[in-house]
Amino acid sequence: MATTYHVRFPDYLDGYEVETEAKGYLVGVTVSAGSRSFELTIYDRARLVQELDDELDSDVSYFAIPNLLVVRSVTRGEISNAIENLAKGNFQELMPNPAG
């Protein structure tokens, strides 16, 4: 049985879905499940590879993002499907936001 949850997409996404999908990333998606909340960063495969290459070739030489979610395409539908699957495992793959 899946955990009950609520997804909140960033307000700026409204009207910019096509541009967001083309960019291949989205920050600020929040999932609330009971007393826990998770802030997600979403990438598609192509953007993730580009980001990895850029970071690994830089002086930083690493790439780390908590609660990174990689989907086929950065659309509400793909993101929602991925979150639904995460809920089936009680979001065990994610790190909750620190209590406020």
Protein backbone atom coordinates (compact mmCIF):
# COMPACT_ATOMS: atom_id res chain seq x y z
CA MET A 1 0.00 0.00 0.00
CA ALA A 2 1.34 3.41 -0.96
CA THR A 3 1.97 6.14 1.57
CA THR A 4 -0.52 9.04 1.43
CA TYR A 5 1.22 12.13 0.10
CA HIS A 6 0.76 15.55 -1.51
CA VAL A 7 2.91 17.01 -4.30
CA ARG A 8 3.44 20.73 -4.70
CA PHE A 9 5.03 21.99 -7.89
CA PRO A 10 6.72 25.41 -7.91
CA ASP A 11 4.35 28.27 -8.75
CA TYR A 12 6.63 29.43 -11.55
CA LEU A 13 5.97 26.18 -13.45
CA ASP A 14 2.47 27.27 -14.46
CA GLY A 15 2.67 28.39 -18.07
CA TYR A 16 6.31 27.27 -18.44
CA GLU A 17 5.89 23.51 -18.70
CA VAL A 18 7.21 23.34 -22.28
CA GLU A 19 10.30 25.40 -21.42
CA THR A 20 10.94 23.36 -18.29
CA GLU A 21 10.71 20.10 -20.21
CA ALA A 22 13.12 21.48 -22.83
CA LYS A 23 15.63 22.55 -20.14
CA GLY A 24 15.48 19.09 -18.59
CA TYR A 25 15.46 20.12 -14.94
CA LEU A 26 13.17 21.45 -12.26
CA VAL A 27 13.91 22.46 -8.68
CA GLY A 28 11.53 23.05 -5.81
CA VAL A 29 9.09 20.17 -6.14
CA THR A 30 7.93 19.37 -2.60
CA VAL A 31 6.38 16.11 -1.45
CA SER A 32 4.61 16.00 1.92
CA ALA A 33 3.86 12.65 3.53
CA GLY A 34 2.54 12.81 7.08
CA SER A 35 4.99 14.78 9.20
CA ARG A 36 7.77 14.44 6.60
CA SER A 37 8.49 16.61 3.60
CA PHE A 38 10.99 16.19 0.80
CA GLU A 39 12.31 18.81 -1.59
CA LEU A 40 13.18 17.25 -4.94
CA THR A 41 15.45 18.26 -7.77
CA ILE A 42 14.32 16.72 -11.05
CA TYR A 43 16.51 16.02 -14.08
CA ASP A 44 16.05 14.14 -17.31
CA ARG A 45 18.84 11.85 -18.48
CA ALA A 46 20.31 14.21 -21.07
CA ARG A 47 20.49 17.17 -18.69
CA LEU A 48 21.95 15.00 -15.93
CA VAL A 49 24.76 13.78 -18.20
CA GLN A 50 25.46 17.37 -19.28
CA GLU A 51 25.53 18.53 -15.65
CA LEU A 52 27.79 15.63 -14.62
CA ASP A 53 30.23 16.38 -17.44
CA ASP A 54 30.32 20.09 -16.57
CA GLU A 55 30.86 19.52 -12.85
CA LEU A 56 33.39 16.70 -13.19
CA ASP A 57 35.41 18.74 -15.67
CA SER A 58 35.42 21.78 -13.37
CA ASP A 59 37.60 22.61 -10.38
CA VAL A 60 34.89 21.18 -8.13
CA SER A 61 35.23 17.68 -9.67
CA TYR A 62 32.13 16.18 -8.03
CA PHE A 63 28.36 16.34 -8.29
CA ALA A 64 26.07 15.95 -5.28
CA ILE A 65 22.41 16.85 -4.93
CA PRO A 66 20.15 15.51 -2.18
CA ASN A 67 16.85 14.02 -3.33
CA LEU A 68 17.78 13.94 -6.99
CA LEU A 69 15.06 12.34 -9.08
CA VAL A 70 15.83 11.38 -12.69
CA VAL A 71 12.87 10.92 -15.05
CA ARG A 72 12.45 10.29 -18.78
CA SER A 73 11.19 13.83 -19.32
CA VAL A 74 10.59 16.69 -16.94
CA THR A 75 6.81 16.85 -17.12
CA ARG A 76 4.17 16.85 -14.39
CA GLY A 77 3.02 13.42 -15.56
CA GLU A 78 6.47 11.79 -15.45
CA ILE A 79 7.29 13.40 -12.12
CA SER A 80 3.95 12.38 -10.64
CA ASN A 81 4.42 8.78 -11.80
CA ALA A 82 7.88 8.62 -10.26
CA ILE A 83 6.62 10.06 -6.97
CA GLU A 84 3.76 7.56 -6.94
CA ASN A 85 6.31 4.76 -7.24
CA LEU A 86 8.42 6.27 -4.46
CA ALA A 87 5.31 6.38 -2.25
CA LYS A 88 4.92 2.61 -2.64
CA GLY A 89 8.22 2.28 -0.77
CA ASN A 90 7.28 4.92 1.82
CA PHE A 91 9.81 7.33 0.26
CA GLN A 92 12.68 5.34 1.78
CA GLU A 93 15.04 6.49 -1.00
CA LEU A 94 14.61 10.14 -0.02
CA MET A 95 16.02 12.27 2.78
CA PRO A 96 13.38 14.29 4.64
CA ASN A 97 13.82 18.04 5.00
CA PRO A 98 15.13 18.97 8.44
CA ALA A 99 12.39 19.79 10.93
CA GLY A 100 11.76 23.50 10.93
